[in-house]
Amino acid sequence: MDLQLQGKVAVITGGSIGIGKAVAEEFAKEGVHLALCARNEERVRNAARELSEKYGIQALGMACDVAKKEDIEQFVGEVAGKFQGVDILINNAGTGSAEKIMEAPDERWQYYWDLHVMAAVRMSRAVVPLMQKRGGGVIINNASICARQPLDYEPIYNVTKAALAMFSKCLANELIPHNIRVNCVNPGLILTPDWYKTAGILSKDLGITPDEYLERIAREHTPIGRFASPEELAKFFVFLASPCASYCVGSTYYVDGGWLKVVI
């Protein structure tokens, strides 16, 4: 299938590792130029250079904490200076949390709100004018199955990801007259470095290895019985961003191995 993405420009937050890096590579395979941002400057610059050299595309890698408005403004300014416009925005940056509602201070709620919700709001507002220069575009927000089916140990993550899904729907309605499609993806178990980190911590209390912990989680939650690789999820993002998905607007898609326990 020709995804008709050759020569497009994609902005990806959290693009240096895990899901973001996998999405970036799948886009690069299609000939898409990249603007990647992440907090770790060395890692994001290396990722951009590696993908540029490997696939012959243009790639910008820049340090940016998307929880900070000023960082977003500086990053998008660099993107505007390097490229003529933007075709695709992947709001991917984020991470899990662990707390109880009665114990988590306001500052912790505010941090995750800025990281998961306001980052997408601000990045979208900044990038949309660059899409309008191209005559349209695509925005995909990476939320989580926890937006609908919460895990009890991370209530702040659950709440902010649910808000991100609703933001996606509202933004889709506002931008479709401008030929900008907005959708949301709710992944399930994706084997990212965050999961390896979690497994390393929690497996000790259970007296098992991290791999055994991950296998137990997969069997417990998913009918398919395994984690997905970031690359499996990335392929779905790339299809959803392509003209082949041109009738997909304002929806939330689950890529979860059957984990969601309700019909939607």
Protein backbone atom coordinates (compact mmCIF):
# COMPACT_ATOMS: atom_id res chain seq x y z
CA MET A 1 0.00 0.00 0.00
CA ASP A 2 1.27 3.43 -0.94
CA LEU A 3 0.68 5.61 2.12
CA GLN A 4 1.32 8.79 0.09
CA LEU A 5 3.57 10.30 2.76
CA GLN A 6 6.77 10.90 0.77
CA GLY A 7 8.11 14.40 1.45
CA LYS A 8 5.72 15.21 4.30
CA VAL A 9 6.96 16.80 7.54
CA ALA A 10 6.11 15.27 10.92
CA VAL A 11 6.61 16.75 14.38
CA ILE A 12 6.89 14.15 17.15
CA THR A 13 7.14 14.96 20.85
CA GLY A 14 8.96 12.45 23.03
CA GLY A 15 10.59 11.33 19.81
CA SER A 16 13.91 10.01 21.08
CA ILE A 17 12.90 6.72 22.69
CA GLY A 18 10.11 4.17 22.99
CA ILE A 19 6.89 4.76 21.07
CA GLY A 20 7.97 8.18 19.79
CA LYS A 21 11.22 6.85 18.35
CA ALA A 22 9.43 3.90 16.75
CA VAL A 23 6.85 6.21 15.15
CA ALA A 24 9.65 8.44 13.89
CA GLU A 25 11.41 5.51 12.24
CA GLU A 26 8.24 4.24 10.56
CA PHE A 27 7.64 7.73 9.17
CA ALA A 28 11.25 7.93 7.99
CA LYS A 29 10.81 4.65 6.11
CA GLU A 30 8.00 6.38 4.18
CA GLY A 31 10.25 9.32 3.28
CA VAL A 32 8.79 11.71 5.88
CA HIS A 33 11.03 14.50 7.19
CA LEU A 34 11.13 14.73 10.99
CA ALA A 35 11.21 17.29 13.77
CA LEU A 36 11.80 15.44 17.04
CA CYS A 37 11.84 16.86 20.54
CA ALA A 38 12.56 15.35 23.94
CA ARG A 39 14.07 16.46 27.23
CA ASN A 40 17.34 14.56 26.74
CA GLU A 41 19.25 16.69 24.22
CA GLU A 42 21.97 14.18 23.38
CA ARG A 43 19.52 11.35 22.82
CA VAL A 44 17.12 13.33 20.64
CA ARG A 45 19.92 14.76 18.51
CA ASN A 46 21.38 11.29 18.06
CA ALA A 47 17.98 9.91 17.08
CA ALA A 48 17.49 12.62 14.46
CA ARG A 49 20.97 12.11 13.03
CA GLU A 50 20.59 8.33 12.93
CA LEU A 51 17.27 8.45 11.08
CA SER A 52 18.51 11.10 8.67
CA GLU A 53 21.57 9.07 7.74
CA LYS A 54 19.69 5.77 7.56
CA TYR A 55 16.75 6.91 5.42
CA GLY A 56 18.03 10.00 3.60
CA ILE A 57 15.47 12.37 5.11
CA GLN A 58 15.84 15.75 6.80
CA ALA A 59 15.61 15.54 10.57
CA LEU A 60 15.72 18.07 13.39
CA GLY A 61 16.36 16.89 16.95
CA MET A 62 15.98 19.43 19.74
CA ALA A 63 15.79 19.42 23.52
CA CYS A 64 12.35 20.53 24.70
CA ASP A 65 10.35 20.01 27.88
CA VAL A 66 6.81 20.10 26.51
CA ALA A 67 5.44 20.77 29.99
CA LYS A 68 6.91 24.27 29.60
CA LYS A 69 5.24 26.80 27.29
CA GLU A 70 8.47 28.61 26.50
CA ASP A 71 10.19 25.38 25.39
CA ILE A 72 7.35 24.61 22.99
CA GLU A 73 7.52 28.10 21.49
CA GLN A 74 11.27 27.82 20.95
CA PHE A 75 11.01 24.36 19.41
CA VAL A 76 8.21 25.27 17.00
CA GLY A 77 10.16 28.37 16.01
CA GLU A 78 13.07 26.14 15.02
CA VAL A 79 10.72 23.85 13.09
CA ALA A 80 9.25 26.82 11.21
CA GLY A 81 12.73 27.99 10.34
CA LYS A 82 13.85 24.63 8.96
CA PHE A 83 10.74 23.48 7.10
CA GLN A 84 8.20 25.25 4.89
CA GLY A 85 5.33 23.90 6.95
CA VAL A 86 4.15 20.89 8.95
CA ASP A 87 1.86 18.09 7.79
CA ILE A 88 1.69 15.81 10.84
CA LEU A 89 1.86 16.35 14.62
CA ILE A 90 2.19 13.43 17.02
CA ASN A 91 1.63 14.54 20.62
CA ASN A 92 3.33 11.58 22.24
CA ALA A 93 5.39 12.83 25.19
CA GLY A 94 4.27 11.48 28.55
CA THR A 95 4.96 9.00 31.30
CA GLY A 96 3.22 6.96 33.96
CA SER A 97 2.63 8.00 37.54
CA ALA A 98 2.17 6.24 40.89
CA GLU A 99 0.23 7.79 43.78
CA LYS A 100 -3.00 7.85 45.74
CA ILE A 101 -5.46 10.70 45.28
CA MET A 102 -5.59 11.46 48.99
CA GLU A 103 -1.79 11.72 49.21
CA ALA A 104 -0.66 13.34 45.94
CA PRO A 105 0.00 17.09 46.33
CA ASP A 106 -1.37 19.72 43.96
CA GLU A 107 2.06 20.13 42.38
CA ARG A 108 2.04 16.53 41.17
CA TRP A 109 -1.39 16.94 39.60
CA GLN A 110 -0.27 20.14 37.92
CA TYR A 111 2.89 18.56 36.52
CA TYR A 112 1.03 15.73 34.79
CA TRP A 113 -1.71 18.09 33.60
CA ASP A 114 0.92 20.23 31.92
CA LEU A 115 2.74 17.20 30.48
CA HIS A 116 -0.22 15.24 29.14
CA VAL A 117 -2.86 17.87 28.40
CA MET A 118 -1.48 21.40 28.16
CA ALA A 119 1.50 20.18 26.14
CA ALA A 120 -0.89 18.88 23.48
CA VAL A 121 -2.99 22.04 23.65
CA ARG A 122 0.01 24.35 23.30
CA MET A 123 1.80 22.27 20.69
CA SER A 124 -1.35 22.02 18.59
CA ARG A 125 -1.99 25.77 18.76
CA ALA A 126 1.60 26.44 17.73
CA VAL A 127 1.74 23.93 14.86
CA VAL A 128 -1.70 24.43 13.29
CA PRO A 129 -0.66 27.64 11.48
CA LEU A 130 2.21 25.67 9.90
CA MET A 131 -0.31 23.05 8.75
CA GLN A 132 -2.56 25.71 7.29
CA LYS A 133 0.35 26.79 5.10
CA ARG A 134 0.26 23.27 3.62
CA GLY A 135 -3.50 23.30 3.15
CA GLY A 136 -4.22 20.88 5.98
CA GLY A 137 -2.69 18.23 8.17
CA VAL A 138 -3.10 15.51 10.78
CA ILE A 139 -2.81 15.59 14.58
CA ILE A 140 -2.67 12.35 16.57
CA ASN A 141 -2.65 12.41 20.36
CA ASN A 142 -1.19 9.40 22.15
CA ALA A 143 -3.34 8.77 25.23
CA SER A 144 -3.79 5.35 26.88
CA ILE A 145 -6.29 2.58 27.52
CA CYS A 146 -6.22 4.00 31.06
CA ALA A 147 -8.25 6.94 29.75
CA ARG A 148 -11.24 4.59 29.80
CA GLN A 149 -10.14 1.59 31.87
CA PRO A 150 -8.09 2.96 34.80
CA LEU A 151 -5.30 1.26 36.71
CA ASP A 152 -5.63 1.81 40.44
CA TYR A 153 -2.02 2.80 41.11
CA GLU A 154 -1.89 5.82 38.78
CA PRO A 155 -5.03 7.96 39.15
CA ILE A 156 -3.38 11.14 37.88
CA TYR A 157 -2.26 9.40 34.70
CA ASN A 158 -5.78 8.00 34.22
CA VAL A 159 -7.41 11.41 34.64
CA THR A 160 -5.02 13.36 32.43
CA LYS A 161 -5.13 10.78 29.65
CA ALA A 162 -8.95 10.84 29.73
CA ALA A 163 -8.77 14.62 29.39
CA LEU A 164 -6.41 14.23 26.42
CA ALA A 165 -8.95 11.99 24.67
CA MET A 166 -11.70 14.58 25.18
CA PHE A 167 -9.39 17.36 24.00
CA SER A 168 -8.79 15.35 20.83
CA LYS A 169 -12.51 15.15 20.11
CA CYS A 170 -13.07 18.86 20.70
CA LEU A 171 -10.06 19.85 18.60
CA ALA A 172 -11.19 17.55 15.78
CA ASN A 173 -14.52 19.34 15.55
CA GLU A 174 -12.81 22.74 15.52
CA LEU A 175 -10.15 21.96 12.93
CA ILE A 176 -11.86 19.75 10.36
CA PRO A 177 -13.15 22.82 8.42
CA HIS A 178 -9.45 23.65 7.93
CA ASN A 179 -8.74 20.17 6.48
CA ILE A 180 -6.88 19.14 9.65
CA ARG A 181 -7.83 15.70 10.94
CA VAL A 182 -7.45 15.02 14.67
CA ASN A 183 -7.61 11.57 16.26
CA CYS A 184 -6.52 9.88 19.47
CA VAL A 185 -4.86 6.51 20.06
CA ASN A 186 -5.31 4.56 23.30
CA PRO A 187 -2.54 1.95 23.44
CA GLY A 188 -2.58 -1.00 25.80
CA LEU A 189 0.54 -2.89 26.83
CA ILE A 190 3.44 -1.58 24.76
CA LEU A 191 6.90 -2.80 25.74
CA THR A 192 8.62 0.55 26.30
CA PRO A 193 11.57 1.44 28.54
CA ASP A 194 9.02 2.70 31.10
CA TRP A 195 7.60 -0.80 31.41
CA TYR A 196 11.06 -2.32 31.82
CA LYS A 197 11.73 0.22 34.58
CA THR A 198 8.46 -0.60 36.32
CA ALA A 199 9.09 -4.32 36.04
CA GLY A 200 12.54 -3.94 37.55
CA ILE A 201 11.05 -2.24 40.60
CA LEU A 202 7.86 -4.24 41.20
CA SER A 203 9.28 -7.69 40.44
CA LYS A 204 11.61 -7.46 43.45
CA ASP A 205 8.67 -7.36 45.87
CA LEU A 206 7.18 -10.43 44.21
CA GLY A 207 10.42 -12.43 44.19
CA ILE A 208 10.39 -12.91 40.42
CA THR A 209 12.45 -11.62 37.51
CA PRO A 210 11.42 -8.53 35.51
CA ASP A 211 10.67 -10.73 32.48
CA GLU A 212 8.47 -12.97 34.59
CA TYR A 213 6.64 -9.92 35.89
CA LEU A 214 5.99 -8.63 32.36
CA GLU A 215 4.77 -12.04 31.24
CA ARG A 216 2.40 -12.18 34.23
CA ILE A 217 1.00 -8.72 33.43
CA ALA A 218 0.44 -9.66 29.79
CA ARG A 219 -1.35 -12.92 30.66
CA GLU A 220 -3.47 -11.21 33.30
CA HIS A 221 -4.68 -8.31 31.16
CA THR A 222 -4.69 -9.22 27.48
CA PRO A 223 -6.49 -12.01 25.62
CA ILE A 224 -3.61 -11.96 23.14
CA GLY A 225 -1.29 -12.79 26.05
CA ARG A 226 1.64 -10.53 25.25
CA PHE A 227 2.92 -6.98 25.03
CA ALA A 228 3.10 -5.23 21.68
CA SER A 229 6.38 -3.87 20.43
CA PRO A 230 6.60 -0.10 19.88
CA GLU A 231 7.04 -0.88 16.18
CA GLU A 232 3.66 -2.64 15.99
CA LEU A 233 1.93 0.42 17.44
CA ALA A 234 3.97 2.80 15.28
CA LYS A 235 2.66 1.23 12.08
CA PHE A 236 -0.88 2.09 13.15
CA PHE A 237 0.09 5.70 13.86
CA VAL A 238 1.63 6.03 10.40
CA PHE A 239 -1.43 4.59 8.66
CA LEU A 240 -3.74 6.89 10.66
CA ALA A 241 -1.61 9.89 9.65
CA SER A 242 -1.75 8.97 5.97
CA PRO A 243 -4.29 9.95 3.30
CA CYS A 244 -5.34 6.28 3.33
CA ALA A 245 -7.17 7.11 6.59
CA SER A 246 -8.78 10.27 5.22
CA TYR A 247 -12.25 9.49 6.64
CA CYS A 248 -10.93 8.93 10.17
CA VAL A 249 -11.75 12.08 12.16
CA GLY A 250 -12.46 12.75 15.82
CA SER A 251 -12.18 9.16 16.99
CA THR A 252 -10.22 7.28 19.63
CA TYR A 253 -8.66 4.01 18.51
CA TYR A 254 -7.65 1.18 20.85
CA VAL A 255 -4.52 -0.82 20.09
CA ASP A 256 -4.60 -3.05 23.13
CA GLY A 257 -4.51 -6.76 22.31
CA GLY A 258 -8.12 -7.11 23.45
CA TRP A 259 -7.51 -5.65 26.94
CA LEU A 260 -10.48 -3.25 26.95
CA LYS A 261 -13.35 -5.09 28.64
CA VAL A 262 -16.29 -3.12 27.27
CA VAL A 263 -17.89 -2.53 23.88
CA ILE A 264 -17.51 1.06 22.65
